[in-house]
Amino acid sequence: MTMNSKYINNNAYNKSYGRDDGDVVCRPFIIGELACGPLQYRSGMLSLLKTLPMAIQAEHEEVLPFVENNKLMGKGLGYIDIHLLASAVLAETPIWTLDKKLNEVSIKLGLGATKT
């Protein structure tokens, strides 16, 4: 798997690893999730996130078998999390997250972003 891009999930962009490499991609679901929460500097941050390149997204028909094939049911992940994982596999892109459960599964799937 190539490790040349990172998905941003939750507020991981505030941490120091990977932030300045100019090689970050995002997904509409991530922007939507952030927009649903109490985001500081809301309008500016959402505008900036929308300028990031958007990564390949898995189709719904790909996500459900991904759950079964990787035994992801009952792991404390929701559909958006699993959709992100399936999309990251398709794009060969690591996931950069502060969500402990998502990070744990992404590492097991070989998708964990490393600190640089």
PDB file of N, CA and C in Angstrom:
ATOM      1  N   MET A   1       0.843  -1.172   0.000  1.00  0.00           N
ATOM      2  CA  MET A   1       0.000   0.000   0.000  1.00  0.00           C
ATOM      3  C   MET A   1       0.888   1.235   0.000  1.00  0.00           C
ATOM      4  N   THR A   2       0.556   2.191  -0.790  1.00  0.00           N
ATOM      5  CA  THR A   2       1.296   3.445  -0.778  1.00  0.00           C
ATOM      6  C   THR A   2       0.789   4.311   0.361  1.00  0.00           C
ATOM      7  N   MET A   3       1.655   5.043   0.957  1.00  0.00           N
ATOM      8  CA  MET A   3       1.311   5.873   2.100  1.00  0.00           C
ATOM      9  C   MET A   3       1.527   7.342   1.752  1.00  0.00           C
ATOM     10  N   ASN A   4       1.057   7.760   0.578  1.00  0.00           N
ATOM     11  CA  ASN A   4       1.345   9.109   0.130  1.00  0.00           C
ATOM     12  C   ASN A   4       0.244  10.117   0.410  1.00  0.00           C
ATOM     13  N   SER A   5      -0.850   9.709   0.974  1.00  0.00           N
ATOM     14  CA  SER A   5      -1.929  10.633   1.315  1.00  0.00           C
ATOM     15  C   SER A   5      -2.541  10.197   2.629  1.00  0.00           C
ATOM     16  N   LYS A   6      -3.205  11.104   3.295  1.00  0.00           N
ATOM     17  CA  LYS A   6      -3.861  10.780   4.559  1.00  0.00           C
ATOM     18  C   LYS A   6      -5.289  11.298   4.520  1.00  0.00           C
ATOM     19  N   TYR A   7      -6.201  10.498   5.070  1.00  0.00           N
ATOM     20  CA  TYR A   7      -7.540  11.011   5.312  1.00  0.00           C
ATOM     21  C   TYR A   7      -7.488  11.784   6.615  1.00  0.00           C
ATOM     22  N   ILE A   8      -8.274  12.815   6.699  1.00  0.00           N
ATOM     23  CA  ILE A   8      -8.418  13.523   7.966  1.00  0.00           C
ATOM     24  C   ILE A   8      -9.725  13.075   8.588  1.00  0.00           C
ATOM     25  N   ASN A   9      -9.681  12.710   9.848  1.00  0.00           N
ATOM     26  CA  ASN A   9     -10.890  12.347  10.565  1.00  0.00           C
ATOM     27  C   ASN A   9     -10.908  13.105  11.883  1.00  0.00           C
ATOM     28  N   ASN A  10     -12.081  13.589  12.237  1.00  0.00           N
ATOM     29  CA  ASN A  10     -12.305  14.342  13.469  1.00  0.00           C
ATOM     30  C   ASN A  10     -11.358  15.518  13.551  1.00  0.00           C
ATOM     31  N   ASN A  11     -10.720  15.743  14.699  1.00  0.00           N
ATOM     32  CA  ASN A  11      -9.870  16.929  14.816  1.00  0.00           C
ATOM     33  C   ASN A  11      -8.395  16.578  14.760  1.00  0.00           C
ATOM     34  N   ALA A  12      -8.038  15.524  14.087  1.00  0.00           N
ATOM     35  CA  ALA A  12      -6.638  15.119  13.996  1.00  0.00           C
ATOM     36  C   ALA A  12      -5.773  16.158  13.304  1.00  0.00           C
ATOM     37  N   TYR A  13      -6.382  17.010  12.489  1.00  0.00           N
ATOM     38  CA  TYR A  13      -5.590  18.029  11.791  1.00  0.00           C
ATOM     39  C   TYR A  13      -4.945  19.010  12.750  1.00  0.00           C
ATOM     40  N   ASN A  14      -5.382  19.051  14.003  1.00  0.00           N
ATOM     41  CA  ASN A  14      -4.789  19.952  14.984  1.00  0.00           C
ATOM     42  C   ASN A  14      -3.516  19.403  15.602  1.00  0.00           C
ATOM     43  N   LYS A  15      -3.218  18.164  15.362  1.00  0.00           N
ATOM     44  CA  LYS A  15      -2.016  17.556  15.922  1.00  0.00           C
ATOM     45  C   LYS A  15      -0.828  17.818  15.014  1.00  0.00           C
ATOM     46  N   SER A  16       0.339  17.585  15.530  1.00  0.00           N
ATOM     47  CA  SER A  16       1.535  17.991  14.797  1.00  0.00           C
ATOM     48  C   SER A  16       2.007  16.999  13.747  1.00  0.00           C
ATOM     49  N   TYR A  17       1.532  15.774  13.746  1.00  0.00           N
ATOM     50  CA  TYR A  17       2.074  14.818  12.781  1.00  0.00           C
ATOM     51  C   TYR A  17       1.330  14.870  11.456  1.00  0.00           C
ATOM     52  N   GLY A  18       2.102  14.921  10.390  1.00  0.00           N
ATOM     53  CA  GLY A  18       1.549  14.871   9.051  1.00  0.00           C
ATOM     54  C   GLY A  18       0.882  16.140   8.558  1.00  0.00           C
ATOM     55  N   ARG A  19       0.747  17.114   9.379  1.00  0.00           N
ATOM     56  CA  ARG A  19      -0.052  18.291   9.056  1.00  0.00           C
ATOM     57  C   ARG A  19       0.545  19.142   7.946  1.00  0.00           C
ATOM     58  N   ASP A  20       1.849  19.238   7.877  1.00  0.00           N
ATOM     59  CA  ASP A  20       2.479  20.167   6.949  1.00  0.00           C
ATOM     60  C   ASP A  20       3.065  19.505   5.714  1.00  0.00           C
ATOM     61  N   ASP A  21       2.759  18.254   5.454  1.00  0.00           N
ATOM     62  CA  ASP A  21       3.383  17.580   4.316  1.00  0.00           C
ATOM     63  C   ASP A  21       2.709  17.902   2.990  1.00  0.00           C
ATOM     64  N   GLY A  22       1.601  18.644   3.015  1.00  0.00           N
ATOM     65  CA  GLY A  22       0.928  19.021   1.783  1.00  0.00           C
ATOM     66  C   GLY A  22       0.307  17.857   1.059  1.00  0.00           C
ATOM     67  N   ASP A  23       0.125  16.777   1.738  1.00  0.00           N
ATOM     68  CA  ASP A  23      -0.332  15.556   1.098  1.00  0.00           C
ATOM     69  C   ASP A  23      -1.516  14.976   1.853  1.00  0.00           C
ATOM     70  N   VAL A  24      -2.547  15.767   2.013  1.00  0.00           N
ATOM     71  CA  VAL A  24      -3.728  15.365   2.764  1.00  0.00           C
ATOM     72  C   VAL A  24      -4.930  15.355   1.830  1.00  0.00           C
ATOM     73  N   VAL A  25      -5.762  14.337   1.980  1.00  0.00           N
ATOM     74  CA  VAL A  25      -7.034  14.284   1.267  1.00  0.00           C
ATOM     75  C   VAL A  25      -8.147  14.175   2.294  1.00  0.00           C
ATOM     76  N   CYS A  26      -9.352  14.465   1.870  1.00  0.00           N
ATOM     77  CA  CYS A  26     -10.494  14.432   2.776  1.00  0.00           C
ATOM     78  C   CYS A  26     -11.650  13.720   2.089  1.00  0.00           C
ATOM     79  N   ARG A  27     -12.761  13.594   2.796  1.00  0.00           N
ATOM     80  CA  ARG A  27     -13.977  13.018   2.233  1.00  0.00           C
ATOM     81  C   ARG A  27     -15.162  13.856   2.674  1.00  0.00           C
ATOM     82  N   PRO A  28     -16.199  13.929   1.862  1.00  0.00           N
ATOM     83  CA  PRO A  28     -17.383  14.708   2.244  1.00  0.00           C
ATOM     84  C   PRO A  28     -17.978  14.271   3.586  1.00  0.00           C
ATOM     85  N   PHE A  29     -17.952  12.966   3.898  1.00  0.00           N
ATOM     86  CA  PHE A  29     -18.501  12.502   5.177  1.00  0.00           C
ATOM     87  C   PHE A  29     -17.756  13.127   6.352  1.00  0.00           C
ATOM     88  N   ILE A  30     -16.464  13.308   6.221  1.00  0.00           N
ATOM     89  CA  ILE A  30     -15.679  13.885   7.310  1.00  0.00           C
ATOM     90  C   ILE A  30     -16.082  15.344   7.524  1.00  0.00           C
ATOM     91  N   ILE A  31     -16.203  16.079   6.437  1.00  0.00           N
ATOM     92  CA  ILE A  31     -16.643  17.472   6.558  1.00  0.00           C
ATOM     93  C   ILE A  31     -18.046  17.524   7.162  1.00  0.00           C
ATOM     94  N   GLY A  32     -18.915  16.626   6.736  1.00  0.00           N
ATOM     95  CA  GLY A  32     -20.267  16.556   7.287  1.00  0.00           C
ATOM     96  C   GLY A  32     -20.279  16.237   8.766  1.00  0.00           C
ATOM     97  N   GLU A  33     -19.451  15.287   9.186  1.00  0.00           N
ATOM     98  CA  GLU A  33     -19.358  14.940  10.608  1.00  0.00           C
ATOM     99  C   GLU A  33     -18.886  16.144  11.422  1.00  0.00           C
ATOM    100  N   LEU A  34     -17.862  16.814  10.928  1.00  0.00           N
ATOM    101  CA  LEU A  34     -17.366  17.994  11.636  1.00  0.00           C
ATOM    102  C   LEU A  34     -18.417  19.096  11.691  1.00  0.00           C
ATOM    103  N   ALA A  35     -19.154  19.273  10.610  1.00  0.00           N
ATOM    104  CA  ALA A  35     -20.191  20.306  10.556  1.00  0.00           C
ATOM    105  C   ALA A  35     -21.312  20.037  11.555  1.00  0.00           C
ATOM    106  N   CYS A  36     -21.507  18.790  11.940  1.00  0.00           N
ATOM    107  CA  CYS A  36     -22.557  18.430  12.902  1.00  0.00           C
ATOM    108  C   CYS A  36     -22.137  18.691  14.341  1.00  0.00           C
ATOM    109  N   GLY A  37     -20.874  18.967  14.566  1.00  0.00           N
ATOM    110  CA  GLY A  37     -20.378  19.175  15.918  1.00  0.00           C
ATOM    111  C   GLY A  37     -20.078  20.633  16.213  1.00  0.00           C
ATOM    112  N   PRO A  38     -19.638  20.896  17.455  1.00  0.00           N
ATOM    113  CA  PRO A  38     -19.315  22.269  17.873  1.00  0.00           C
ATOM    114  C   PRO A  38     -17.909  22.657  17.419  1.00  0.00           C
ATOM    115  N   LEU A  39     -17.749  22.932  16.169  1.00  0.00           N
ATOM    116  CA  LEU A  39     -16.451  23.217  15.568  1.00  0.00           C
ATOM    117  C   LEU A  39     -16.029  24.656  15.844  1.00  0.00           C
ATOM    118  N   GLN A  40     -14.837  24.817  16.408  1.00  0.00           N
ATOM    119  CA  GLN A  40     -14.303  26.152  16.646  1.00  0.00           C
ATOM    120  C   GLN A  40     -13.927  26.784  15.303  1.00  0.00           C
ATOM    121  N   TYR A  41     -14.118  28.071  15.166  1.00  0.00           N
ATOM    122  CA  TYR A  41     -13.853  28.786  13.908  1.00  0.00           C
ATOM    123  C   TYR A  41     -14.602  28.125  12.754  1.00  0.00           C
ATOM    124  N   ARG A  42     -15.836  27.804  13.020  1.00  0.00           N
ATOM    125  CA  ARG A  42     -16.696  26.987  12.168  1.00  0.00           C
ATOM    126  C   ARG A  42     -16.666  27.336  10.680  1.00  0.00           C
ATOM    127  N   SER A  43     -17.062  28.527  10.312  1.00  0.00           N
ATOM    128  CA  SER A  43     -17.181  28.837   8.883  1.00  0.00           C
ATOM    129  C   SER A  43     -15.829  28.798   8.189  1.00  0.00           C
ATOM    130  N   GLY A  44     -14.806  29.336   8.830  1.00  0.00           N
ATOM    131  CA  GLY A  44     -13.476  29.322   8.232  1.00  0.00           C
ATOM    132  C   GLY A  44     -12.924  27.915   8.089  1.00  0.00           C
ATOM    133  N   MET A  45     -13.105  27.107   9.129  1.00  0.00           N
ATOM    134  CA  MET A  45     -12.584  25.738   9.093  1.00  0.00           C
ATOM    135  C   MET A  45     -13.304  24.908   8.040  1.00  0.00           C
ATOM    136  N   LEU A  46     -14.623  25.013   7.976  1.00  0.00           N
ATOM    137  CA  LEU A  46     -15.367  24.256   6.964  1.00  0.00           C
ATOM    138  C   LEU A  46     -14.979  24.699   5.558  1.00  0.00           C
ATOM    139  N   SER A  47     -14.776  25.992   5.381  1.00  0.00           N
ATOM    140  CA  SER A  47     -14.344  26.488   4.066  1.00  0.00           C
ATOM    141  C   SER A  47     -12.979  25.929   3.693  1.00  0.00           C
ATOM    142  N   LEU A  48     -12.058  25.913   4.646  1.00  0.00           N
ATOM    143  CA  LEU A  48     -10.725  25.365   4.379  1.00  0.00           C
ATOM    144  C   LEU A  48     -10.779  23.873   4.058  1.00  0.00           C
ATOM    145  N   LEU A  49     -11.573  23.135   4.824  1.00  0.00           N
ATOM    146  CA  LEU A  49     -11.676  21.691   4.579  1.00  0.00           C
ATOM    147  C   LEU A  49     -12.226  21.402   3.189  1.00  0.00           C
ATOM    148  N   LYS A  50     -13.145  22.236   2.736  1.00  0.00           N
ATOM    149  CA  LYS A  50     -13.731  22.040   1.403  1.00  0.00           C
ATOM    150  C   LYS A  50     -12.718  22.250   0.285  1.00  0.00           C
ATOM    151  N   THR A  51     -11.612  22.931   0.583  1.00  0.00           N
ATOM    152  CA  THR A  51     -10.587  23.152  -0.446  1.00  0.00           C
ATOM    153  C   THR A  51      -9.644  21.964  -0.594  1.00  0.00           C
ATOM    154  N   LEU A  52      -9.673  21.034   0.359  1.00  0.00           N
ATOM    155  CA  LEU A  52      -8.806  19.853   0.259  1.00  0.00           C
ATOM    156  C   LEU A  52      -9.256  18.960  -0.883  1.00  0.00           C
ATOM    157  N   PRO A  53      -8.322  18.263  -1.518  1.00  0.00           N
ATOM    158  CA  PRO A  53      -8.730  17.295  -2.534  1.00  0.00           C
ATOM    159  C   PRO A  53      -9.558  16.187  -1.889  1.00  0.00           C
ATOM    160  N   MET A  54     -10.590  15.750  -2.571  1.00  0.00           N
ATOM    161  CA  MET A  54     -11.438  14.677  -2.068  1.00  0.00           C
ATOM    162  C   MET A  54     -10.930  13.337  -2.596  1.00  0.00           C
ATOM    163  N   ALA A  55     -10.901  12.362  -1.710  1.00  0.00           N
ATOM    164  CA  ALA A  55     -10.380  11.037  -2.043  1.00  0.00           C
ATOM    165  C   ALA A  55     -11.470  10.142  -2.620  1.00  0.00           C
ATOM    166  N   ILE A  56     -11.035   9.046  -3.182  1.00  0.00           N
ATOM    167  CA  ILE A  56     -11.936   8.018  -3.706  1.00  0.00           C
ATOM    168  C   ILE A  56     -12.863   7.561  -2.586  1.00  0.00           C
ATOM    169  N   GLN A  57     -14.132   7.359  -2.906  1.00  0.00           N
ATOM    170  CA  GLN A  57     -15.094   6.863  -1.926  1.00  0.00           C
ATOM    171  C   GLN A  57     -15.626   5.506  -2.348  1.00  0.00           C
ATOM    172  N   ALA A  58     -15.777   4.637  -1.377  1.00  0.00           N
ATOM    173  CA  ALA A  58     -16.390   3.334  -1.630  1.00  0.00           C
ATOM    174  C   ALA A  58     -17.880   3.523  -1.891  1.00  0.00           C
ATOM    175  N   GLU A  59     -18.442   2.648  -2.666  1.00  0.00           N
ATOM    176  CA  GLU A  59     -19.890   2.617  -2.895  1.00  0.00           C
ATOM    177  C   GLU A  59     -20.534   1.793  -1.783  1.00  0.00           C
ATOM    178  N   HIS A  60     -21.792   2.073  -1.510  1.00  0.00           N
ATOM    179  CA  HIS A  60     -22.535   1.328  -0.491  1.00  0.00           C
ATOM    180  C   HIS A  60     -22.427  -0.181  -0.730  1.00  0.00           C
ATOM    181  N   GLU A  61     -22.510  -0.580  -1.991  1.00  0.00           N
ATOM    182  CA  GLU A  61     -22.448  -2.004  -2.343  1.00  0.00           C
ATOM    183  C   GLU A  61     -21.085  -2.613  -2.025  1.00  0.00           C
ATOM    184  N   GLU A  62     -20.064  -1.793  -1.838  1.00  0.00           N
ATOM    185  CA  GLU A  62     -18.737  -2.281  -1.461  1.00  0.00           C
ATOM    186  C   GLU A  62     -18.561  -2.314   0.053  1.00  0.00           C
ATOM    187  N   VAL A  63     -19.280  -1.445   0.747  1.00  0.00           N
ATOM    188  CA  VAL A  63     -19.087  -1.308   2.188  1.00  0.00           C
ATOM    189  C   VAL A  63     -19.659  -2.495   2.959  1.00  0.00           C
ATOM    190  N   LEU A  64     -20.854  -2.941   2.611  1.00  0.00           N
ATOM    191  CA  LEU A  64     -21.461  -4.044   3.368  1.00  0.00           C
ATOM    192  C   LEU A  64     -20.636  -5.323   3.299  1.00  0.00           C
ATOM    193  N   PRO A  65     -20.150  -5.746   2.128  1.00  0.00           N
ATOM    194  CA  PRO A  65     -19.264  -6.917   2.113  1.00  0.00           C
ATOM    195  C   PRO A  65     -17.956  -6.662   2.867  1.00  0.00           C
ATOM    196  N   PHE A  66     -17.492  -5.418   2.860  1.00  0.00           N
ATOM    197  CA  PHE A  66     -16.275  -5.061   3.593  1.00  0.00           C
ATOM    198  C   PHE A  66     -16.457  -5.324   5.086  1.00  0.00           C
ATOM    199  N   VAL A  67     -17.646  -5.009   5.609  1.00  0.00           N
ATOM    200  CA  VAL A  67     -17.956  -5.283   7.018  1.00  0.00           C
ATOM    201  C   VAL A  67     -17.826  -6.775   7.292  1.00  0.00           C
ATOM    202  N   GLU A  68     -18.454  -7.583   6.461  1.00  0.00           N
ATOM    203  CA  GLU A  68     -18.441  -9.035   6.644  1.00  0.00           C
ATOM    204  C   GLU A  68     -17.041  -9.616   6.477  1.00  0.00           C
ATOM    205  N   ASN A  69     -16.384  -9.251   5.394  1.00  0.00           N
ATOM    206  CA  ASN A  69     -15.072  -9.825   5.083  1.00  0.00           C
ATOM    207  C   ASN A  69     -14.015  -9.501   6.125  1.00  0.00           C
ATOM    208  N   ASN A  70     -14.152  -8.357   6.773  1.00  0.00           N
ATOM    209  CA  ASN A  70     -13.175  -7.939   7.778  1.00  0.00           C
ATOM    210  C   ASN A  70     -13.685  -8.088   9.204  1.00  0.00           C
ATOM    211  N   LYS A  71     -14.865  -8.712   9.352  1.00  0.00           N
ATOM    212  CA  LYS A  71     -15.460  -8.970  10.670  1.00  0.00           C
ATOM    213  C   LYS A  71     -15.486  -7.700  11.533  1.00  0.00           C
ATOM    214  N   LEU A  72     -16.067  -6.641  10.972  1.00  0.00           N
ATOM    215  CA  LEU A  72     -16.091  -5.349  11.649  1.00  0.00           C
ATOM    216  C   LEU A  72     -17.353  -5.103  12.460  1.00  0.00           C
ATOM    217  N   MET A  73     -18.290  -6.042  12.436  1.00  0.00           N
ATOM    218  CA  MET A  73     -19.502  -5.864  13.216  1.00  0.00           C
ATOM    219  C   MET A  73     -19.190  -5.982  14.711  1.00  0.00           C
ATOM    220  N   GLY A  74     -19.846  -5.137  15.502  1.00  0.00           N
ATOM    221  CA  GLY A  74     -19.670  -5.183  16.947  1.00  0.00           C
ATOM    222  C   GLY A  74     -18.335  -4.637  17.430  1.00  0.00           C
ATOM    223  N   LYS A  75     -17.652  -3.861  16.636  1.00  0.00           N
ATOM    224  CA  LYS A  75     -16.344  -3.301  17.013  1.00  0.00           C
ATOM    225  C   LYS A  75     -16.456  -1.874  17.537  1.00  0.00           C
ATOM    226  N   GLY A  76     -17.690  -1.369  17.640  1.00  0.00           N
ATOM    227  CA  GLY A  76     -17.877  -0.002  18.114  1.00  0.00           C
ATOM    228  C   GLY A  76     -17.706   1.049  17.036  1.00  0.00           C
ATOM    229  N   LEU A  77     -17.757   0.614  15.776  1.00  0.00           N
ATOM    230  CA  LEU A  77     -17.644   1.537  14.652  1.00  0.00           C
ATOM    231  C   LEU A  77     -18.998   1.699  13.995  1.00  0.00           C
ATOM    232  N   GLY A  78     -19.286   2.894  13.527  1.00  0.00           N
ATOM    233  CA  GLY A  78     -20.520   3.144  12.798  1.00  0.00           C
ATOM    234  C   GLY A  78     -20.296   3.020  11.303  1.00  0.00           C
ATOM    235  N   TYR A  79     -21.377   3.199  10.563  1.00  0.00           N
ATOM    236  CA  TYR A  79     -21.315   3.073   9.107  1.00  0.00           C
ATOM    237  C   TYR A  79     -20.336   4.074   8.488  1.00  0.00           C
ATOM    238  N   ILE A  80     -20.311   5.303   8.992  1.00  0.00           N
ATOM    239  CA  ILE A  80     -19.396   6.309   8.442  1.00  0.00           C
ATOM    240  C   ILE A  80     -17.950   5.864   8.653  1.00  0.00           C
ATOM    241  N   ASP A  81     -17.634   5.359   9.843  1.00  0.00           N
ATOM    242  CA  ASP A  81     -16.280   4.872  10.117  1.00  0.00           C
ATOM    243  C   ASP A  81     -15.895   3.744   9.166  1.00  0.00           C
ATOM    244  N   ILE A  82     -16.796   2.795   8.999  1.00  0.00           N
ATOM    245  CA  ILE A  82     -16.500   1.646   8.147  1.00  0.00           C
ATOM    246  C   ILE A  82     -16.444   2.068   6.684  1.00  0.00           C
ATOM    247  N   HIS A  83     -17.277   3.009   6.299  1.00  0.00           N
ATOM    248  CA  HIS A  83     -17.217   3.550   4.937  1.00  0.00           C
ATOM    249  C   HIS A  83     -15.846   4.190   4.697  1.00  0.00           C
ATOM    250  N   LEU A  84     -15.353   4.918   5.690  1.00  0.00           N
ATOM    251  CA  LEU A  84     -14.030   5.526   5.600  1.00  0.00           C
ATOM    252  C   LEU A  84     -12.951   4.460   5.441  1.00  0.00           C
ATOM    253  N   LEU A  85     -13.038   3.385   6.218  1.00  0.00           N
ATOM    254  CA  LEU A  85     -12.066   2.295   6.110  1.00  0.00           C
ATOM    255  C   LEU A  85     -12.088   1.658   4.725  1.00  0.00           C
ATOM    256  N   ALA A  86     -13.280   1.358   4.234  1.00  0.00           N
ATOM    257  CA  ALA A  86     -13.400   0.744   2.906  1.00  0.00           C
ATOM    258  C   ALA A  86     -12.847   1.682   1.836  1.00  0.00           C
ATOM    259  N   SER A  87     -13.129   2.954   1.959  1.00  0.00           N
ATOM    260  CA  SER A  87     -12.623   3.935   0.999  1.00  0.00           C
ATOM    261  C   SER A  87     -11.101   4.031   1.060  1.00  0.00           C
ATOM    262  N   ALA A  88     -10.556   3.982   2.266  1.00  0.00           N
ATOM    263  CA  ALA A  88      -9.100   4.047   2.425  1.00  0.00           C
ATOM    264  C   ALA A  88      -8.417   2.836   1.801  1.00  0.00           C
ATOM    265  N   VAL A  89      -9.044   1.674   1.913  1.00  0.00           N
ATOM    266  CA  VAL A  89      -8.491   0.475   1.269  1.00  0.00           C
ATOM    267  C   VAL A  89      -8.476   0.669  -0.240  1.00  0.00           C
ATOM    268  N   LEU A  90      -9.574   1.149  -0.797  1.00  0.00           N
ATOM    269  CA  LEU A  90      -9.650   1.370  -2.247  1.00  0.00           C
ATOM    270  C   LEU A  90      -8.605   2.378  -2.726  1.00  0.00           C
ATOM    271  N   ALA A  91      -8.410   3.429  -1.954  1.00  0.00           N
ATOM    272  CA  ALA A  91      -7.490   4.499  -2.339  1.00  0.00           C
ATOM    273  C   ALA A  91      -6.053   4.224  -1.899  1.00  0.00           C
ATOM    274  N   GLU A  92      -5.860   3.125  -1.166  1.00  0.00           N
ATOM    275  CA  GLU A  92      -4.546   2.815  -0.593  1.00  0.00           C
ATOM    276  C   GLU A  92      -4.017   4.020   0.177  1.00  0.00           C
ATOM    277  N   THR A  93      -4.870   4.529   1.057  1.00  0.00           N
ATOM    278  CA  THR A  93      -4.592   5.754   1.794  1.00  0.00           C
ATOM    279  C   THR A  93      -4.725   5.497   3.291  1.00  0.00           C
ATOM    280  N   PRO A  94      -3.734   5.863   4.092  1.00  0.00           N
ATOM    281  CA  PRO A  94      -3.858   5.676   5.536  1.00  0.00           C
ATOM    282  C   PRO A  94      -4.904   6.609   6.141  1.00  0.00           C
ATOM    283  N   ILE A  95      -5.345   6.256   7.321  1.00  0.00           N
ATOM    284  CA  ILE A  95      -6.327   7.061   8.045  1.00  0.00           C
ATOM    285  C   ILE A  95      -5.624   7.727   9.219  1.00  0.00           C
ATOM    286  N   TRP A  96      -5.843   9.006   9.343  1.00  0.00           N
ATOM    287  CA  TRP A  96      -5.239   9.817  10.389  1.00  0.00           C
ATOM    288  C   TRP A  96      -6.370  10.268  11.296  1.00  0.00           C
ATOM    289  N   THR A  97      -6.466   9.673  12.483  1.00  0.00           N
ATOM    290  CA  THR A  97      -7.605   9.928  13.356  1.00  0.00           C
ATOM    291  C   THR A  97      -7.198   9.919  14.818  1.00  0.00           C
ATOM    292  N   LEU A  98      -7.965  10.606  15.633  1.00  0.00           N
ATOM    293  CA  LEU A  98      -7.809  10.549  17.082  1.00  0.00           C
ATOM    294  C   LEU A  98      -8.844   9.622  17.704  1.00  0.00           C
ATOM    295  N   ASP A  99      -9.755   9.102  16.904  1.00  0.00           N
ATOM    296  CA  ASP A  99     -10.770   8.169  17.378  1.00  0.00           C
ATOM    297  C   ASP A  99     -10.082   6.841  17.692  1.00  0.00           C
ATOM    298  N   LYS A 100     -10.102   6.440  18.956  1.00  0.00           N
ATOM    299  CA  LYS A 100      -9.343   5.256  19.382  1.00  0.00           C
ATOM    300  C   LYS A 100      -9.800   3.976  18.700  1.00  0.00           C
ATOM    301  N   LYS A 101     -11.100   3.761  18.608  1.00  0.00           N
ATOM    302  CA  LYS A 101     -11.599   2.529  17.983  1.00  0.00           C
ATOM    303  C   LYS A 101     -11.286   2.502  16.491  1.00  0.00           C
ATOM    304  N   LEU A 102     -11.513   3.618  15.822  1.00  0.00           N
ATOM    305  CA  LEU A 102     -11.218   3.689  14.393  1.00  0.00           C
ATOM    306  C   LEU A 102      -9.722   3.519  14.148  1.00  0.00           C
ATOM    307  N   ASN A 103      -8.901   4.136  14.981  1.00  0.00           N
ATOM    308  CA  ASN A 103      -7.455   4.011  14.831  1.00  0.00           C
ATOM    309  C   ASN A 103      -7.013   2.563  15.031  1.00  0.00           C
ATOM    310  N   GLU A 104      -7.555   1.901  16.039  1.00  0.00           N
ATOM    311  CA  GLU A 104      -7.206   0.504  16.316  1.00  0.00           C
ATOM    312  C   GLU A 104      -7.511  -0.384  15.113  1.00  0.00           C
ATOM    313  N   VAL A 105      -8.689  -0.238  14.553  1.00  0.00           N
ATOM    314  CA  VAL A 105      -9.073  -1.058  13.399  1.00  0.00           C
ATOM    315  C   VAL A 105      -8.256  -0.669  12.175  1.00  0.00           C
ATOM    316  N   SER A 106      -8.008   0.619  11.988  1.00  0.00           N
ATOM    317  CA  SER A 106      -7.225   1.032  10.817  1.00  0.00           C
ATOM    318  C   SER A 106      -5.810   0.461  10.883  1.00  0.00           C
ATOM    319  N   ILE A 107      -5.230   0.393  12.061  1.00  0.00           N
ATOM    320  CA  ILE A 107      -3.904  -0.212  12.217  1.00  0.00           C
ATOM    321  C   ILE A 107      -3.962  -1.697  11.880  1.00  0.00           C
ATOM    322  N   LYS A 108      -4.979  -2.393  12.380  1.00  0.00           N
ATOM    323  CA  LYS A 108      -5.119  -3.825  12.083  1.00  0.00           C
ATOM    324  C   LYS A 108      -5.276  -4.084  10.589  1.00  0.00           C
ATOM    325  N   LEU A 109      -5.887  -3.142   9.878  1.00  0.00           N
ATOM    326  CA  LEU A 109      -6.077  -3.286   8.432  1.00  0.00           C
ATOM    327  C   LEU A 109      -4.896  -2.736   7.631  1.00  0.00           C
ATOM    328  N   GLY A 110      -3.861  -2.278   8.333  1.00  0.00           N
ATOM    329  CA  GLY A 110      -2.693  -1.729   7.653  1.00  0.00           C
ATOM    330  C   GLY A 110      -2.901  -0.330   7.119  1.00  0.00           C
ATOM    331  N   LEU A 111      -3.842   0.404   7.721  1.00  0.00           N
ATOM    332  CA  LEU A 111      -4.193   1.745   7.244  1.00  0.00           C
ATOM    333  C   LEU A 111      -3.815   2.851   8.220  1.00  0.00           C
ATOM    334  N   GLY A 112      -3.161   2.512   9.309  1.00  0.00           N
ATOM    335  CA  GLY A 112      -2.836   3.515  10.314  1.00  0.00           C
ATOM    336  C   GLY A 112      -1.774   4.479   9.823  1.00  0.00           C
ATOM    337  N   ALA A 113      -2.019   5.763   9.974  1.00  0.00           N
ATOM    338  CA  ALA A 113      -1.031   6.780   9.602  1.00  0.00           C
ATOM    339  C   ALA A 113       0.055   6.803  10.663  1.00  0.00           C
ATOM    340  N   THR A 114       1.263   7.024  10.235  1.00  0.00           N
ATOM    341  CA  THR A 114       2.374   7.093  11.173  1.00  0.00           C
ATOM    342  C   THR A 114       2.752   8.544  11.406  1.00  0.00           C
ATOM    343  N   LYS A 115       3.271   8.810  12.585  1.00  0.00           N
ATOM    344  CA  LYS A 115       3.740  10.158  12.900  1.00  0.00           C
ATOM    345  C   LYS A 115       5.007  10.418  12.102  1.00  0.00           C
ATOM    346  N   THR A 116       5.127  11.642  11.603  1.00  0.00           N
ATOM    347  CA  THR A 116       6.331  12.010  10.847  1.00  0.00           C
ATOM    348  C   THR A 116       7.028  13.182  11.481  1.00  0.00           C
TER     349      THR A 116
END
